[in-house]
Amino acid sequence: MTRTLATLAVAALLTTGSAIAQQTQTTQTPAAHRQGTVNDRRANQQQRIANGVQSGQLTAGETKNLESREANLNREIHNDRAANGGKLTPQEKQQVNHQQNNLSRSIYNDKHNAAQQHYGNNEVDRRRENQQDRVAQGIRNGSMTPAEAARTENREQGINQQVHADRAANGGRLTAQEKKQINNEQNGASRQIYRQKHNGANAPK
């Protein structure tokens, strides 16, 4: 009798475990599939770039390069879908997945290398940080396309290089004339960010 009850108990546990495993697999598999789609991966990578811009882990130059690659990949996806009735062939999906894997590794490497975006507690640096925060917000909410972000970060990179060179030539400081010139350039960059975030062009989803 005791042996029979034990056998029944073990059988009940095995049946319950199997049912739970099947239920877990049923509920988790679709979610995992959705996370691997082309569009979901694009959105995820843009979020990672935005976080890196805002935290300073990504410099303007690194962001420009990443967003240029994202823009090129987006054009490729758009053209492939246009040629196939709005869908990607299995071969195209495989190719896009390979390119997204490469981008993902680049984002990780750029966010974890020694290059960091640093700002001082002065007007020029506060404006640089503020503009990078606005770019990050535009990337995060999709109001800036990767191509727009790449152009803006190219401009920001130029300003950063100028600030660095001017300070290196003047013992770490900017002259009044240099501050005025950089302020004018930052005004232009600020207007560009605003236009790009409000022109109706949004990142593909």
Protein backbone atom coordinates (compact mmCIF):
# COMPACT_ATOMS: atom_id res chain seq x y z
CA MET A 1 0.00 0.00 0.00
CA THR A 2 2.74 2.45 0.98
CA ARG A 3 4.71 1.65 -2.17
CA THR A 4 1.59 2.17 -4.33
CA LEU A 5 0.88 5.58 -2.79
CA ALA A 6 4.48 6.64 -3.33
CA THR A 7 4.32 5.56 -6.96
CA LEU A 8 1.12 7.53 -7.51
CA ALA A 9 2.63 10.61 -5.86
CA VAL A 10 5.69 10.49 -8.12
CA ALA A 11 3.49 10.08 -11.19
CA ALA A 12 1.37 13.05 -10.16
CA LEU A 13 4.47 15.21 -9.70
CA LEU A 14 5.82 14.22 -13.11
CA THR A 15 2.50 15.00 -14.78
CA THR A 16 2.25 18.37 -13.06
CA GLY A 17 5.86 19.25 -13.95
CA SER A 18 5.28 18.32 -17.57
CA ALA A 19 2.14 20.46 -17.73
CA ILE A 20 3.94 23.45 -16.20
CA ALA A 21 6.83 23.05 -18.62
CA GLN A 22 4.46 22.93 -21.57
CA GLN A 23 2.57 25.98 -20.32
CA THR A 24 5.82 27.90 -19.78
CA GLN A 25 7.04 27.00 -23.25
CA THR A 26 3.73 28.05 -24.79
CA THR A 27 3.73 31.44 -23.09
CA GLN A 28 7.44 32.21 -23.53
CA THR A 29 8.08 31.09 -27.09
CA PRO A 30 5.97 33.81 -28.83
CA ALA A 31 7.59 36.54 -26.71
CA ALA A 32 11.07 35.29 -27.55
CA HIS A 33 10.12 35.20 -31.22
CA ARG A 34 8.82 38.78 -31.10
CA GLN A 35 12.02 40.00 -29.47
CA GLY A 36 13.99 38.59 -32.37
CA THR A 37 12.11 40.39 -35.14
CA VAL A 38 13.91 42.87 -37.38
CA ASN A 39 11.84 45.83 -36.17
CA ASP A 40 12.10 44.94 -32.48
CA ARG A 41 15.86 44.62 -32.77
CA ARG A 42 16.08 48.02 -34.50
CA ALA A 43 14.10 49.62 -31.67
CA ASN A 44 16.20 47.88 -29.04
CA GLN A 45 19.46 49.02 -30.59
CA GLN A 46 18.25 52.62 -30.79
CA GLN A 47 17.38 52.50 -27.09
CA ARG A 48 20.86 51.22 -26.30
CA ILE A 49 22.44 54.01 -28.34
CA ALA A 50 20.24 56.63 -26.65
CA ASN A 51 21.25 55.34 -23.23
CA GLY A 52 24.91 55.49 -24.22
CA VAL A 53 24.60 59.06 -25.49
CA GLN A 54 22.88 60.25 -22.33
CA SER A 55 25.28 58.48 -19.98
CA GLY A 56 28.35 59.70 -21.86
CA GLN A 57 29.47 56.15 -22.66
CA LEU A 58 29.15 57.00 -26.36
CA THR A 59 31.05 59.97 -27.73
CA ALA A 60 29.59 62.10 -30.51
CA GLY A 61 31.97 60.43 -32.98
CA GLU A 62 31.00 56.92 -31.89
CA THR A 63 27.32 57.80 -32.06
CA LYS A 64 27.76 59.28 -35.55
CA ASN A 65 29.34 56.07 -36.80
CA LEU A 66 26.74 53.81 -35.20
CA GLU A 67 23.81 55.86 -36.46
CA SER A 68 25.29 56.02 -39.96
CA ARG A 69 25.38 52.23 -40.01
CA GLU A 70 21.83 52.07 -38.64
CA ALA A 71 20.67 54.45 -41.37
CA ASN A 72 22.31 52.34 -44.08
CA LEU A 73 20.72 49.18 -42.72
CA ASN A 74 17.31 50.86 -42.55
CA ARG A 75 17.60 51.86 -46.21
CA GLU A 76 18.52 48.30 -47.12
CA ILE A 77 15.52 46.92 -45.23
CA HIS A 78 13.22 49.48 -46.83
CA ASN A 79 14.47 48.68 -50.35
CA ASP A 80 14.25 44.92 -49.82
CA ARG A 81 10.69 45.17 -48.55
CA ALA A 82 9.69 47.46 -51.40
CA ALA A 83 10.96 44.89 -53.87
CA ASN A 84 9.08 42.02 -52.22
CA GLY A 85 5.61 43.36 -51.50
CA GLY A 86 6.46 44.69 -48.05
CA LYS A 87 8.20 41.56 -46.75
CA LEU A 88 11.73 40.24 -46.40
CA THR A 89 12.73 36.92 -47.92
CA PRO A 90 14.32 34.33 -45.57
CA GLN A 91 17.71 35.06 -47.13
CA GLU A 92 17.25 38.83 -46.59
CA LYS A 93 16.20 38.24 -42.98
CA GLN A 94 19.34 36.19 -42.41
CA GLN A 95 21.52 38.90 -43.93
CA VAL A 96 19.84 41.67 -41.90
CA ASN A 97 20.16 39.59 -38.73
CA HIS A 98 23.90 39.18 -39.39
CA GLN A 99 24.30 42.95 -39.82
CA GLN A 100 22.27 43.65 -36.67
CA ASN A 101 24.51 41.25 -34.75
CA ASN A 102 27.55 43.21 -35.91
CA LEU A 103 25.91 46.50 -34.91
CA SER A 104 24.99 45.09 -31.54
CA ARG A 105 28.60 44.12 -30.86
CA SER A 106 29.78 47.58 -31.96
CA ILE A 107 27.33 49.28 -29.62
CA TYR A 108 28.55 47.14 -26.74
CA ASN A 109 32.23 47.70 -27.53
CA ASP A 110 31.81 51.47 -27.94
CA LYS A 111 29.91 51.72 -24.65
CA HIS A 112 32.57 49.79 -22.76
CA ASN A 113 35.80 51.18 -24.19
CA ALA A 114 37.95 53.91 -22.67
CA ALA A 115 36.43 56.72 -24.76
CA GLN A 116 33.92 58.68 -22.70
CA GLN A 117 32.12 61.99 -23.20
CA HIS A 118 33.19 64.30 -20.35
CA TYR A 119 31.80 67.72 -19.52
CA GLY A 120 33.02 70.47 -17.22
CA ASN A 121 30.97 72.80 -15.07
CA ASN A 122 30.94 75.78 -17.45
CA GLU A 123 28.53 77.26 -19.98
CA VAL A 124 30.07 75.64 -23.06
CA ASP A 125 30.15 72.16 -21.54
CA ARG A 126 26.70 72.47 -20.01
CA ARG A 127 25.32 73.30 -23.45
CA ARG A 128 27.18 70.36 -25.00
CA GLU A 129 25.70 68.02 -22.39
CA ASN A 130 22.22 69.48 -22.80
CA GLN A 131 22.34 69.03 -26.56
CA GLN A 132 23.48 65.44 -26.20
CA ASP A 133 20.57 64.82 -23.82
CA ARG A 134 18.19 66.24 -26.44
CA VAL A 135 19.70 64.01 -29.11
CA ALA A 136 19.35 61.00 -26.80
CA GLN A 137 15.70 61.87 -26.21
CA GLY A 138 15.10 62.17 -29.97
CA ILE A 139 16.73 58.80 -30.61
CA ARG A 140 14.81 57.19 -27.75
CA ASN A 141 11.34 58.38 -28.79
CA GLY A 142 12.00 58.01 -32.53
CA SER A 143 11.55 61.70 -33.39
CA MET A 144 15.09 61.65 -34.81
CA THR A 145 15.89 59.10 -37.50
CA PRO A 146 19.30 57.39 -37.45
CA ALA A 147 20.32 59.49 -40.48
CA GLU A 148 19.33 62.71 -38.67
CA ALA A 149 21.13 61.63 -35.50
CA ALA A 150 24.26 60.83 -37.53
CA ARG A 151 24.27 64.31 -39.12
CA THR A 152 23.73 66.03 -35.79
CA GLU A 153 26.43 63.99 -34.07
CA ASN A 154 28.83 64.75 -36.90
CA ARG A 155 28.24 68.43 -36.17
CA GLU A 156 28.60 67.89 -32.42
CA GLN A 157 31.83 65.99 -32.98
CA GLY A 158 33.21 68.95 -34.92
CA ILE A 159 32.32 71.35 -32.09
CA ASN A 160 33.89 69.02 -29.53
CA GLN A 161 37.10 68.80 -31.53
CA GLN A 162 37.23 72.58 -31.84
CA VAL A 163 36.66 73.06 -28.10
CA HIS A 164 39.42 70.54 -27.34
CA ALA A 165 41.89 72.15 -29.74
CA ASP A 166 41.17 75.69 -28.50
CA ARG A 167 41.60 74.68 -24.89
CA ALA A 168 44.80 72.80 -25.64
CA ALA A 169 46.21 75.95 -27.26
CA ASN A 170 45.27 78.17 -24.31
CA GLY A 171 46.24 76.26 -21.20
CA GLY A 172 42.88 74.52 -20.84
CA ARG A 173 40.71 77.60 -21.28
CA LEU A 174 38.76 79.32 -24.02
CA THR A 175 39.27 82.95 -24.94
CA ALA A 176 36.29 85.28 -25.04
CA GLN A 177 36.36 85.24 -28.84
CA GLU A 178 36.50 81.43 -28.93
CA LYS A 179 33.56 81.19 -26.53
CA LYS A 180 31.56 83.51 -28.77
CA GLN A 181 32.36 81.46 -31.87
CA ILE A 182 31.50 78.16 -30.18
CA ASN A 183 28.28 79.65 -28.81
CA ASN A 184 27.24 80.56 -32.37
CA GLU A 185 27.99 77.03 -33.53
CA GLN A 186 26.06 75.56 -30.62
CA ASN A 187 23.11 77.78 -31.52
CA GLY A 188 23.18 76.35 -35.03
CA ALA A 189 23.36 72.79 -33.68
CA SER A 190 20.50 73.50 -31.30
CA ARG A 191 18.26 74.72 -34.14
CA GLN A 192 19.17 71.64 -36.17
CA ILE A 193 18.17 69.32 -33.30
CA TYR A 194 14.85 71.12 -32.91
CA ARG A 195 14.06 70.95 -36.65
CA GLN A 196 14.90 67.28 -36.86
CA LYS A 197 12.75 66.41 -33.85
CA HIS A 198 9.75 68.33 -35.24
CA ASN A 199 9.90 67.74 -39.00
CA GLY A 200 7.61 64.71 -39.01
CA ALA A 201 10.35 62.26 -40.03
CA ASN A 202 10.40 59.41 -37.51
CA ALA A 203 12.63 56.40 -37.05
CA PRO A 204 11.18 53.28 -38.70
CA LYS A 205 9.37 50.82 -36.44
